[in-house]
Amino acid sequence: SPYFRGNSFSAGDSYIASVANGSDGPGNATTYLRAAMSHHVLHVL
């Protein structure tokens, strides 16, 4: 997506990118909630 901040922006973004490129995942509700929180906190800061 055009709004993705890149895999180096936060631990959450790194996880999402890793699942997307096949190096991690597939994950579950808990791991994606963790990723969402990580990205949100870094975004706000």
PDB file of all heavy atoms in Angstrom:
ATOM      1  N   SER A   1       0.828  -1.213   0.000  1.00  0.00           N
ATOM      2  CA  SER A   1       0.000   0.000   0.000  1.00  0.00           C
ATOM      3  C   SER A   1       0.857   1.255   0.000  1.00  0.00           C
ATOM      4  O   SER A   1       2.001   1.245   0.476  1.00  0.00           O
ATOM      5  CB  SER A   1      -0.907   0.001   1.227  1.00  0.00           C
ATOM      6  OG  SER A   1      -0.152   0.207   2.411  1.00  0.00           O
ATOM      7  N   PRO A   2       0.346   2.380  -0.508  1.00  0.00           N
ATOM      8  CA  PRO A   2       1.125   3.624  -0.537  1.00  0.00           C
ATOM      9  C   PRO A   2       1.379   4.216   0.837  1.00  0.00           C
ATOM     10  O   PRO A   2       2.277   5.052   0.996  1.00  0.00           O
ATOM     11  CB  PRO A   2       0.260   4.554  -1.392  1.00  0.00           C
ATOM     12  CG  PRO A   2      -1.123   4.009  -1.289  1.00  0.00           C
ATOM     13  CD  PRO A   2      -0.964   2.523  -1.178  1.00  0.00           C
ATOM     14  N   TYR A   3       0.604   3.787   1.843  1.00  0.00           N
ATOM     15  CA  TYR A   3       0.774   4.340   3.188  1.00  0.00           C
ATOM     16  C   TYR A   3       1.667   3.472   4.077  1.00  0.00           C
ATOM     17  O   TYR A   3       1.921   3.817   5.229  1.00  0.00           O
ATOM     18  CB  TYR A   3      -0.580   4.559   3.870  1.00  0.00           C
ATOM     19  CG  TYR A   3      -1.580   3.446   3.667  1.00  0.00           C
ATOM     20  CD1 TYR A   3      -1.558   2.291   4.452  1.00  0.00           C
ATOM     21  CD2 TYR A   3      -2.547   3.553   2.682  1.00  0.00           C
ATOM     22  CE1 TYR A   3      -2.477   1.280   4.262  1.00  0.00           C
ATOM     23  CE2 TYR A   3      -3.476   2.537   2.486  1.00  0.00           C
ATOM     24  CZ  TYR A   3      -3.444   1.412   3.273  1.00  0.00           C
ATOM     25  OH  TYR A   3      -4.353   0.401   3.080  1.00  0.00           O
ATOM     26  N   PHE A   4       2.165   2.353   3.569  1.00  0.00           N
ATOM     27  CA  PHE A   4       3.078   1.519   4.366  1.00  0.00           C
ATOM     28  C   PHE A   4       4.372   2.291   4.601  1.00  0.00           C
ATOM     29  O   PHE A   4       4.968   2.835   3.668  1.00  0.00           O
ATOM     30  CB  PHE A   4       3.354   0.208   3.640  1.00  0.00           C
ATOM     31  CG  PHE A   4       4.207  -0.750   4.415  1.00  0.00           C
ATOM     32  CD1 PHE A   4       3.788  -1.250   5.633  1.00  0.00           C
ATOM     33  CD2 PHE A   4       5.442  -1.164   3.925  1.00  0.00           C
ATOM     34  CE1 PHE A   4       4.565  -2.145   6.357  1.00  0.00           C
ATOM     35  CE2 PHE A   4       6.224  -2.061   4.627  1.00  0.00           C
ATOM     36  CZ  PHE A   4       5.790  -2.547   5.853  1.00  0.00           C
ATOM     37  N   ARG A   5       4.827   2.331   5.848  1.00  0.00           N
ATOM     38  CA  ARG A   5       5.969   3.164   6.219  1.00  0.00           C
ATOM     39  C   ARG A   5       7.320   2.493   5.986  1.00  0.00           C
ATOM     40  O   ARG A   5       8.360   3.097   6.214  1.00  0.00           O
ATOM     41  CB  ARG A   5       5.853   3.582   7.700  1.00  0.00           C
ATOM     42  CG  ARG A   5       4.618   4.414   8.034  1.00  0.00           C
ATOM     43  CD  ARG A   5       4.640   5.780   7.369  1.00  0.00           C
ATOM     44  NE  ARG A   5       5.758   6.589   7.824  1.00  0.00           N
ATOM     45  CZ  ARG A   5       5.718   7.390   8.896  1.00  0.00           C
ATOM     46  NH1 ARG A   5       4.614   7.470   9.626  1.00  0.00           N
ATOM     47  NH2 ARG A   5       6.768   8.120   9.232  1.00  0.00           N
ATOM     48  N   GLY A   6       7.317   1.242   5.577  1.00  0.00           N
ATOM     49  CA  GLY A   6       8.572   0.555   5.315  1.00  0.00           C
ATOM     50  C   GLY A   6       8.968  -0.368   6.453  1.00  0.00           C
ATOM     51  O   GLY A   6       8.614  -0.153   7.615  1.00  0.00           O
ATOM     52  N   ASN A   7       9.752  -1.387   6.136  1.00  0.00           N
ATOM     53  CA  ASN A   7      10.050  -2.415   7.140  1.00  0.00           C
ATOM     54  C   ASN A   7      10.951  -1.922   8.259  1.00  0.00           C
ATOM     55  O   ASN A   7      11.063  -2.569   9.292  1.00  0.00           O
ATOM     56  CB  ASN A   7      10.651  -3.653   6.467  1.00  0.00           C
ATOM     57  CG  ASN A   7      11.990  -3.371   5.806  1.00  0.00           C
ATOM     58  OD1 ASN A   7      12.392  -2.217   5.675  1.00  0.00           O
ATOM     59  ND2 ASN A   7      12.667  -4.426   5.385  1.00  0.00           N
ATOM     60  N   SER A   8      11.611  -0.774   8.083  1.00  0.00           N
ATOM     61  CA  SER A   8      12.492  -0.267   9.135  1.00  0.00           C
ATOM     62  C   SER A   8      11.804   0.724  10.062  1.00  0.00           C
ATOM     63  O   SER A   8      12.414   1.211  11.014  1.00  0.00           O
ATOM     64  CB  SER A   8      13.732   0.386   8.519  1.00  0.00           C
ATOM     65  OG  SER A   8      13.366   1.515   7.735  1.00  0.00           O
ATOM     66  N   PHE A   9      10.536   1.036   9.803  1.00  0.00           N
ATOM     67  CA  PHE A   9       9.870   2.075  10.596  1.00  0.00           C
ATOM     68  C   PHE A   9       9.623   1.623  12.029  1.00  0.00           C
ATOM     69  O   PHE A   9       9.847   2.377  12.971  1.00  0.00           O
ATOM     70  CB  PHE A   9       8.551   2.477   9.931  1.00  0.00           C
ATOM     71  CG  PHE A   9       7.817   3.554  10.685  1.00  0.00           C
ATOM     72  CD1 PHE A   9       8.287   4.858  10.707  1.00  0.00           C
ATOM     73  CD2 PHE A   9       6.663   3.251  11.396  1.00  0.00           C
ATOM     74  CE1 PHE A   9       7.610   5.842  11.416  1.00  0.00           C
ATOM     75  CE2 PHE A   9       5.986   4.229  12.109  1.00  0.00           C
ATOM     76  CZ  PHE A   9       6.463   5.534  12.118  1.00  0.00           C
ATOM     77  N   SER A  10       9.139   0.416  12.206  1.00  0.00           N
ATOM     78  CA  SER A  10       8.853  -0.102  13.545  1.00  0.00           C
ATOM     79  C   SER A  10       8.971  -1.614  13.515  1.00  0.00           C
ATOM     80  O   SER A  10       9.017  -2.241  12.436  1.00  0.00           O
ATOM     81  CB  SER A  10       7.443   0.293  14.006  1.00  0.00           C
ATOM     82  OG  SER A  10       6.452  -0.468  13.319  1.00  0.00           O
ATOM     83  N   ALA A  11       8.989  -2.211  14.699  1.00  0.00           N
ATOM     84  CA  ALA A  11       9.007  -3.678  14.768  1.00  0.00           C
ATOM     85  C   ALA A  11       7.767  -4.264  14.121  1.00  0.00           C
ATOM     86  O   ALA A  11       7.816  -5.324  13.483  1.00  0.00           O
ATOM     87  CB  ALA A  11       9.121  -4.125  16.217  1.00  0.00           C
ATOM     88  N   GLY A  12       6.634  -3.573  14.267  1.00  0.00           N
ATOM     89  CA  GLY A  12       5.402  -4.053  13.645  1.00  0.00           C
ATOM     90  C   GLY A  12       5.478  -4.026  12.136  1.00  0.00           C
ATOM     91  O   GLY A  12       5.043  -4.964  11.459  1.00  0.00           O
ATOM     92  N   ASP A  13       6.027  -2.933  11.572  1.00  0.00           N
ATOM     93  CA  ASP A  13       6.177  -2.851  10.120  1.00  0.00           C
ATOM     94  C   ASP A  13       7.145  -3.914   9.618  1.00  0.00           C
ATOM     95  O   ASP A  13       6.934  -4.511   8.550  1.00  0.00           O
ATOM     96  CB  ASP A  13       6.681  -1.458   9.729  1.00  0.00           C
ATOM     97  CG  ASP A  13       5.624  -0.394   9.921  1.00  0.00           C
ATOM     98  OD1 ASP A  13       4.859  -0.136   8.985  1.00  0.00           O
ATOM     99  OD2 ASP A  13       5.550   0.192  11.027  1.00  0.00           O
ATOM    100  N   SER A  14       8.220  -4.154  10.373  1.00  0.00           N
ATOM    101  CA  SER A  14       9.185  -5.178   9.989  1.00  0.00           C
ATOM    102  C   SER A  14       8.528  -6.546   9.942  1.00  0.00           C
ATOM    103  O   SER A  14       8.770  -7.338   9.013  1.00  0.00           O
ATOM    104  CB  SER A  14      10.354  -5.189  10.980  1.00  0.00           C
ATOM    105  OG  SER A  14      11.261  -6.229  10.678  1.00  0.00           O
ATOM    106  N   TYR A  15       7.661  -6.829  10.913  1.00  0.00           N
ATOM    107  CA  TYR A  15       6.980  -8.124  10.937  1.00  0.00           C
ATOM    108  C   TYR A  15       6.055  -8.275   9.735  1.00  0.00           C
ATOM    109  O   TYR A  15       6.048  -9.318   9.054  1.00  0.00           O
ATOM    110  CB  TYR A  15       6.190  -8.267  12.235  1.00  0.00           C
ATOM    111  CG  TYR A  15       5.406  -9.552  12.305  1.00  0.00           C
ATOM    112  CD1 TYR A  15       6.038 -10.774  12.496  1.00  0.00           C
ATOM    113  CD2 TYR A  15       4.026  -9.546  12.146  1.00  0.00           C
ATOM    114  CE1 TYR A  15       5.319 -11.960  12.541  1.00  0.00           C
ATOM    115  CE2 TYR A  15       3.296 -10.723  12.197  1.00  0.00           C
ATOM    116  CZ  TYR A  15       3.945 -11.928  12.392  1.00  0.00           C
ATOM    117  OH  TYR A  15       3.227 -13.105  12.426  1.00  0.00           O
ATOM    118  N   ILE A  16       5.270  -7.231   9.449  1.00  0.00           N
ATOM    119  CA  ILE A  16       4.351  -7.286   8.310  1.00  0.00           C
ATOM    120  C   ILE A  16       5.124  -7.513   7.011  1.00  0.00           C
ATOM    121  O   ILE A  16       4.740  -8.333   6.170  1.00  0.00           O
ATOM    122  CB  ILE A  16       3.511  -5.997   8.240  1.00  0.00           C
ATOM    123  CG1 ILE A  16       2.534  -5.944   9.426  1.00  0.00           C
ATOM    124  CG2 ILE A  16       2.746  -5.911   6.925  1.00  0.00           C
ATOM    125  CD1 ILE A  16       1.837  -4.608   9.594  1.00  0.00           C
ATOM    126  N   ALA A  17       6.231  -6.795   6.845  1.00  0.00           N
ATOM    127  CA  ALA A  17       7.052  -6.959   5.640  1.00  0.00           C
ATOM    128  C   ALA A  17       7.628  -8.363   5.556  1.00  0.00           C
ATOM    129  O   ALA A  17       7.710  -8.946   4.469  1.00  0.00           O
ATOM    130  CB  ALA A  17       8.164  -5.913   5.625  1.00  0.00           C
ATOM    131  N   SER A  18       8.020  -8.923   6.697  1.00  0.00           N
ATOM    132  CA  SER A  18       8.596 -10.263   6.703  1.00  0.00           C
ATOM    133  C   SER A  18       7.567 -11.321   6.316  1.00  0.00           C
ATOM    134  O   SER A  18       7.882 -12.279   5.604  1.00  0.00           O
ATOM    135  CB  SER A  18       9.170 -10.583   8.083  1.00  0.00           C
ATOM    136  OG  SER A  18      10.251  -9.732   8.388  1.00  0.00           O
ATOM    137  N   VAL A  19       6.336 -11.139   6.781  1.00  0.00           N
ATOM    138  CA  VAL A  19       5.279 -12.077   6.371  1.00  0.00           C
ATOM    139  C   VAL A  19       5.004 -11.918   4.879  1.00  0.00           C
ATOM    140  O   VAL A  19       4.823 -12.897   4.151  1.00  0.00           O
ATOM    141  CB  VAL A  19       4.000 -11.845   7.189  1.00  0.00           C
ATOM    142  CG1 VAL A  19       2.872 -12.746   6.687  1.00  0.00           C
ATOM    143  CG2 VAL A  19       4.252 -12.105   8.675  1.00  0.00           C
ATOM    144  N   ALA A  20       4.990 -10.679   4.411  1.00  0.00           N
ATOM    145  CA  ALA A  20       4.704 -10.413   3.003  1.00  0.00           C
ATOM    146  C   ALA A  20       5.748 -11.043   2.087  1.00  0.00           C
ATOM    147  O   ALA A  20       5.419 -11.520   0.993  1.00  0.00           O
ATOM    148  CB  ALA A  20       4.611  -8.914   2.758  1.00  0.00           C
ATOM    149  N   ASN A  21       7.013 -11.049   2.524  1.00  0.00           N
ATOM    150  CA  ASN A  21       8.052 -11.612   1.639  1.00  0.00           C
ATOM    151  C   ASN A  21       8.342 -13.086   1.925  1.00  0.00           C
ATOM    152  O   ASN A  21       9.245 -13.673   1.318  1.00  0.00           O
ATOM    153  CB  ASN A  21       9.342 -10.773   1.708  1.00  0.00           C
ATOM    154  CG  ASN A  21      10.031 -10.833   3.074  1.00  0.00           C
ATOM    155  OD1 ASN A  21       9.936 -11.817   3.803  1.00  0.00           O
ATOM    156  ND2 ASN A  21      10.755  -9.766   3.422  1.00  0.00           N
ATOM    157  N   GLY A  22       7.590 -13.660   2.858  1.00  0.00           N
ATOM    158  CA  GLY A  22       7.698 -15.090   3.104  1.00  0.00           C
ATOM    159  C   GLY A  22       8.759 -15.511   4.087  1.00  0.00           C
ATOM    160  O   GLY A  22       8.970 -16.711   4.299  1.00  0.00           O
ATOM    161  N   SER A  23       9.440 -14.563   4.733  1.00  0.00           N
ATOM    162  CA  SER A  23      10.496 -14.921   5.678  1.00  0.00           C
ATOM    163  C   SER A  23       9.979 -15.104   7.105  1.00  0.00           C
ATOM    164  O   SER A  23      10.744 -15.476   7.998  1.00  0.00           O
ATOM    165  CB  SER A  23      11.603 -13.871   5.666  1.00  0.00           C
ATOM    166  OG  SER A  23      11.107 -12.607   6.063  1.00  0.00           O
ATOM    167  N   ASP A  24       8.705 -14.853   7.337  1.00  0.00           N
ATOM    168  CA  ASP A  24       8.102 -15.035   8.656  1.00  0.00           C
ATOM    169  C   ASP A  24       6.628 -15.339   8.439  1.00  0.00           C
ATOM    170  O   ASP A  24       6.124 -15.334   7.327  1.00  0.00           O
ATOM    171  CB  ASP A  24       8.290 -13.774   9.510  1.00  0.00           C
ATOM    172  CG  ASP A  24       8.226 -14.068  11.008  1.00  0.00           C
ATOM    173  OD1 ASP A  24       7.672 -15.124  11.383  1.00  0.00           O
ATOM    174  OD2 ASP A  24       8.712 -13.241  11.794  1.00  0.00           O
ATOM    175  N   GLY A  25       5.960 -15.627   9.573  1.00  0.00           N
ATOM    176  CA  GLY A  25       4.524 -15.814   9.499  1.00  0.00           C
ATOM    177  C   GLY A  25       4.111 -17.270   9.355  1.00  0.00           C
ATOM    178  O   GLY A  25       4.946 -18.167   9.487  1.00  0.00           O
ATOM    179  N   PRO A  26       2.823 -17.515   9.113  1.00  0.00           N
ATOM    180  CA  PRO A  26       1.804 -16.534   8.731  1.00  0.00           C
ATOM    181  C   PRO A  26       1.277 -15.673   9.871  1.00  0.00           C
ATOM    182  O   PRO A  26       0.652 -14.658   9.647  1.00  0.00           O
ATOM    183  CB  PRO A  26       0.682 -17.402   8.166  1.00  0.00           C
ATOM    184  CG  PRO A  26       0.816 -18.702   8.912  1.00  0.00           C
ATOM    185  CD  PRO A  26       2.297 -18.894   9.103  1.00  0.00           C
ATOM    186  N   GLY A  27       1.508 -16.057  11.128  1.00  0.00           N
ATOM    187  CA  GLY A  27       1.059 -15.268  12.258  1.00  0.00           C
ATOM    188  C   GLY A  27      -0.376 -15.549  12.652  1.00  0.00           C
ATOM    189  O   GLY A  27      -1.053 -16.412  12.084  1.00  0.00           O
ATOM    190  N   ASN A  28      -0.846 -14.806  13.646  1.00  0.00           N
ATOM    191  CA  ASN A  28      -2.202 -14.998  14.156  1.00  0.00           C
ATOM    192  C   ASN A  28      -2.722 -13.667  14.705  1.00  0.00           C
ATOM    193  O   ASN A  28      -2.051 -12.637  14.584  1.00  0.00           O
ATOM    194  CB  ASN A  28      -2.216 -16.085  15.240  1.00  0.00           C
ATOM    195  CG  ASN A  28      -1.208 -15.803  16.342  1.00  0.00           C
ATOM    196  OD1 ASN A  28      -1.063 -14.682  16.811  1.00  0.00           O
ATOM    197  ND2 ASN A  28      -0.472 -16.846  16.753  1.00  0.00           N
ATOM    198  N   ALA A  29      -3.898 -13.695  15.299  1.00  0.00           N
ATOM    199  CA  ALA A  29      -4.512 -12.455  15.780  1.00  0.00           C
ATOM    200  C   ALA A  29      -3.614 -11.727  16.771  1.00  0.00           C
ATOM    201  O   ALA A  29      -3.525 -10.491  16.758  1.00  0.00           O
ATOM    202  CB  ALA A  29      -5.864 -12.762  16.414  1.00  0.00           C
ATOM    203  N   THR A  30      -2.923 -12.471  17.623  1.00  0.00           N
ATOM    204  CA  THR A  30      -2.066 -11.845  18.634  1.00  0.00           C
ATOM    205  C   THR A  30      -0.859 -11.168  18.004  1.00  0.00           C
ATOM    206  O   THR A  30      -0.509 -10.035  18.367  1.00  0.00           O
ATOM    207  CB  THR A  30      -1.598 -12.892  19.652  1.00  0.00           C
ATOM    208  OG1 THR A  30      -2.744 -13.453  20.315  1.00  0.00           O
ATOM    209  CG2 THR A  30      -0.679 -12.263  20.698  1.00  0.00           C
ATOM    210  N   THR A  31      -0.205 -11.831  17.056  1.00  0.00           N
ATOM    211  CA  THR A  31       0.996 -11.235  16.463  1.00  0.00           C
ATOM    212  C   THR A  31       0.652  -9.992  15.657  1.00  0.00           C
ATOM    213  O   THR A  31       1.434  -9.030  15.623  1.00  0.00           O
ATOM    214  CB  THR A  31       1.737 -12.243  15.572  1.00  0.00           C
ATOM    215  OG1 THR A  31       0.901 -12.654  14.487  1.00  0.00           O
ATOM    216  CG2 THR A  31       2.178 -13.456  16.367  1.00  0.00           C
ATOM    217  N   TYR A  32      -0.514  -9.967  15.022  1.00  0.00           N
ATOM    218  CA  TYR A  32      -0.878  -8.778  14.237  1.00  0.00           C
ATOM    219  C   TYR A  32      -1.394  -7.648  15.116  1.00  0.00           C
ATOM    220  O   TYR A  32      -1.245  -6.472  14.769  1.00  0.00           O
ATOM    221  CB  TYR A  32      -1.875  -9.150  13.137  1.00  0.00           C
ATOM    222  CG  TYR A  32      -1.191  -9.941  12.048  1.00  0.00           C
ATOM    223  CD1 TYR A  32      -1.316 -11.323  11.992  1.00  0.00           C
ATOM    224  CD2 TYR A  32      -0.374  -9.310  11.123  1.00  0.00           C
ATOM    225  CE1 TYR A  32      -0.657 -12.062  11.023  1.00  0.00           C
ATOM    226  CE2 TYR A  32       0.292 -10.043  10.152  1.00  0.00           C
ATOM    227  CZ  TYR A  32       0.155 -11.415  10.106  1.00  0.00           C
ATOM    228  OH  TYR A  32       0.829 -12.132   9.147  1.00  0.00           O
ATOM    229  N   LEU A  33      -1.989  -7.986  16.254  1.00  0.00           N
ATOM    230  CA  LEU A  33      -2.329  -6.933  17.212  1.00  0.00           C
ATOM    231  C   LEU A  33      -1.057  -6.303  17.757  1.00  0.00           C
ATOM    232  O   LEU A  33      -0.953  -5.071  17.883  1.00  0.00           O
ATOM    233  CB  LEU A  33      -3.171  -7.503  18.361  1.00  0.00           C
ATOM    234  CG  LEU A  33      -3.529  -6.514  19.470  1.00  0.00           C
ATOM    235  CD1 LEU A  33      -4.310  -5.326  18.929  1.00  0.00           C
ATOM    236  CD2 LEU A  33      -4.320  -7.217  20.572  1.00  0.00           C
ATOM    237  N   ARG A  34      -0.068  -7.139  18.062  1.00  0.00           N
ATOM    238  CA  ARG A  34       1.221  -6.632  18.528  1.00  0.00           C
ATOM    239  C   ARG A  34       1.866  -5.725  17.470  1.00  0.00           C
ATOM    240  O   ARG A  34       2.388  -4.656  17.773  1.00  0.00           O
ATOM    241  CB  ARG A  34       2.140  -7.800  18.874  1.00  0.00           C
ATOM    242  CG  ARG A  34       3.454  -7.397  19.514  1.00  0.00           C
ATOM    243  CD  ARG A  34       4.339  -8.612  19.758  1.00  0.00           C
ATOM    244  NE  ARG A  34       3.676  -9.593  20.590  1.00  0.00           N
ATOM    245  CZ  ARG A  34       3.542 -10.871  20.286  1.00  0.00           C
ATOM    246  NH1 ARG A  34       4.034 -11.341  19.150  1.00  0.00           N
ATOM    247  NH2 ARG A  34       2.934 -11.695  21.109  1.00  0.00           N
ATOM    248  N   ALA A  35       1.797  -6.150  16.210  1.00  0.00           N
ATOM    249  CA  ALA A  35       2.367  -5.347  15.123  1.00  0.00           C
ATOM    250  C   ALA A  35       1.635  -4.019  14.988  1.00  0.00           C
ATOM    251  O   ALA A  35       2.253  -2.964  14.785  1.00  0.00           O
ATOM    252  CB  ALA A  35       2.303  -6.118  13.812  1.00  0.00           C
ATOM    253  N   ALA A  36       0.303  -4.065  15.106  1.00  0.00           N
ATOM    254  CA  ALA A  36      -0.491  -2.838  14.976  1.00  0.00           C
ATOM    255  C   ALA A  36      -0.172  -1.853  16.094  1.00  0.00           C
ATOM    256  O   ALA A  36      -0.067  -0.638  15.858  1.00  0.00           O
ATOM    257  CB  ALA A  36      -1.980  -3.182  14.983  1.00  0.00           C
ATOM    258  N   MET A  37      -0.025  -2.367  17.304  1.00  0.00           N
ATOM    259  CA  MET A  37       0.308  -1.496  18.431  1.00  0.00           C
ATOM    260  C   MET A  37       1.705  -0.896  18.263  1.00  0.00           C
ATOM    261  O   MET A  37       1.927   0.291  18.508  1.00  0.00           O
ATOM    262  CB  MET A  37       0.229  -2.287  19.738  1.00  0.00           C
ATOM    263  CG  MET A  37      -1.179  -2.613  20.195  1.00  0.00           C
ATOM    264  SD  MET A  37      -2.074  -1.135  20.716  1.00  0.00           S
ATOM    265  CE  MET A  37      -3.519  -1.875  21.494  1.00  0.00           C
ATOM    266  N   SER A  38       2.652  -1.716  17.842  1.00  0.00           N
ATOM    267  CA  SER A  38       4.017  -1.242  17.627  1.00  0.00           C
ATOM    268  C   SER A  38       4.034  -0.118  16.601  1.00  0.00           C
ATOM    269  O   SER A  38       4.638   0.943  16.819  1.00  0.00           O
ATOM    270  CB  SER A  38       4.905  -2.399  17.164  1.00  0.00           C
ATOM    271  OG  SER A  38       6.151  -1.936  16.681  1.00  0.00           O
ATOM    272  N   HIS A  39       3.369  -0.341  15.470  1.00  0.00           N
ATOM    273  CA  HIS A  39       3.342   0.693  14.434  1.00  0.00           C
ATOM    274  C   HIS A  39       2.646   1.953  14.933  1.00  0.00           C
ATOM    275  O   HIS A  39       3.126   3.067  14.693  1.00  0.00           O
ATOM    276  CB  HIS A  39       2.619   0.176  13.188  1.00  0.00           C
ATOM    277  CG  HIS A  39       2.322   1.262  12.201  1.00  0.00           C
ATOM    278  ND1 HIS A  39       3.279   1.787  11.359  1.00  0.00           N
ATOM    279  CD2 HIS A  39       1.179   1.962  11.965  1.00  0.00           C
ATOM    280  CE1 HIS A  39       2.740   2.751  10.631  1.00  0.00           C
ATOM    281  NE2 HIS A  39       1.468   2.869  10.987  1.00  0.00           N
ATOM    282  N   HIS A  40       1.521   1.790  15.639  1.00  0.00           N
ATOM    283  CA  HIS A  40       0.770   2.958  16.107  1.00  0.00           C
ATOM    284  C   HIS A  40       1.611   3.834  17.027  1.00  0.00           C
ATOM    285  O   HIS A  40       1.657   5.055  16.861  1.00  0.00           O
ATOM    286  CB  HIS A  40      -0.500   2.514  16.840  1.00  0.00           C
ATOM    287  CG  HIS A  40      -1.314   3.659  17.349  1.00  0.00           C
ATOM    288  ND1 HIS A  40      -2.361   4.197  16.646  1.00  0.00           N
ATOM    289  CD2 HIS A  40      -1.215   4.394  18.495  1.00  0.00           C
ATOM    290  CE1 HIS A  40      -2.873   5.207  17.323  1.00  0.00           C
ATOM    291  NE2 HIS A  40      -2.201   5.341  18.451  1.00  0.00           N
ATOM    292  N   VAL A  41       2.270   3.209  17.990  1.00  0.00           N
ATOM    293  CA  VAL A  41       3.075   3.980  18.946  1.00  0.00           C
ATOM    294  C   VAL A  41       4.181   4.749  18.222  1.00  0.00           C
ATOM    295  O   VAL A  41       4.393   5.951  18.477  1.00  0.00           O
ATOM    296  CB  VAL A  41       3.661   3.054  20.031  1.00  0.00           C
ATOM    297  CG1 VAL A  41       4.678   3.806  20.875  1.00  0.00           C
ATOM    298  CG2 VAL A  41       2.550   2.500  20.913  1.00  0.00           C
ATOM    299  N   LEU A  42       4.879   4.098  17.303  1.00  0.00           N
ATOM    300  CA  LEU A  42       5.945   4.778  16.577  1.00  0.00           C
ATOM    301  C   LEU A  42       5.386   5.858  15.664  1.00  0.00           C
ATOM    302  O   LEU A  42       5.995   6.925  15.496  1.00  0.00           O
ATOM    303  CB  LEU A  42       6.757   3.773  15.771  1.00  0.00           C
ATOM    304  CG  LEU A  42       8.036   3.244  16.440  1.00  0.00           C
ATOM    305  CD1 LEU A  42       9.071   4.346  16.602  1.00  0.00           C
ATOM    306  CD2 LEU A  42       7.744   2.592  17.781  1.00  0.00           C
ATOM    307  N   HIS A  43       4.229   5.608  15.071  1.00  0.00           N
ATOM    308  CA  HIS A  43       3.592   6.607  14.206  1.00  0.00           C
ATOM    309  C   HIS A  43       3.273   7.874  15.000  1.00  0.00           C
ATOM    310  O   HIS A  43       3.581   8.986  14.568  1.00  0.00           O
ATOM    311  CB  HIS A  43       2.314   6.037  13.591  1.00  0.00           C
ATOM    312  CG  HIS A  43       1.509   7.037  12.822  1.00  0.00           C
ATOM    313  ND1 HIS A  43       1.676   7.258  11.476  1.00  0.00           N
ATOM    314  CD2 HIS A  43       0.537   7.903  13.232  1.00  0.00           C
ATOM    315  CE1 HIS A  43       0.851   8.214  11.078  1.00  0.00           C
ATOM    316  NE2 HIS A  43       0.138   8.607  12.122  1.00  0.00           N
ATOM    317  N   VAL A  44       2.646   7.702  16.161  1.00  0.00           N
ATOM    318  CA  VAL A  44       2.270   8.859  16.973  1.00  0.00           C
ATOM    319  C   VAL A  44       3.510   9.613  17.458  1.00  0.00           C
ATOM    320  O   VAL A  44       3.569  10.853  17.394  1.00  0.00           O
ATOM    321  CB  VAL A  44       1.386   8.423  18.164  1.00  0.00           C
ATOM    322  CG1 VAL A  44       1.201   9.573  19.151  1.00  0.00           C
ATOM    323  CG2 VAL A  44       0.031   7.935  17.659  1.00  0.00           C
ATOM    324  N   LEU A  45       4.515   8.886  17.929  1.00  0.00           N
ATOM    325  CA  LEU A  45       5.738   9.544  18.396  1.00  0.00           C
ATOM    326  C   LEU A  45       6.432  10.298  17.261  1.00  0.00           C
ATOM    327  O   LEU A  45       6.916  11.427  17.450  1.00  0.00           O
ATOM    328  CB  LEU A  45       6.684   8.512  18.995  1.00  0.00           C
ATOM    329  CG  LEU A  45       6.252   7.889  20.326  1.00  0.00           C
ATOM    330  CD1 LEU A  45       7.224   6.792  20.725  1.00  0.00           C
ATOM    331  CD2 LEU A  45       6.164   8.934  21.416  1.00  0.00           C
TER     332      LEU A  45
END
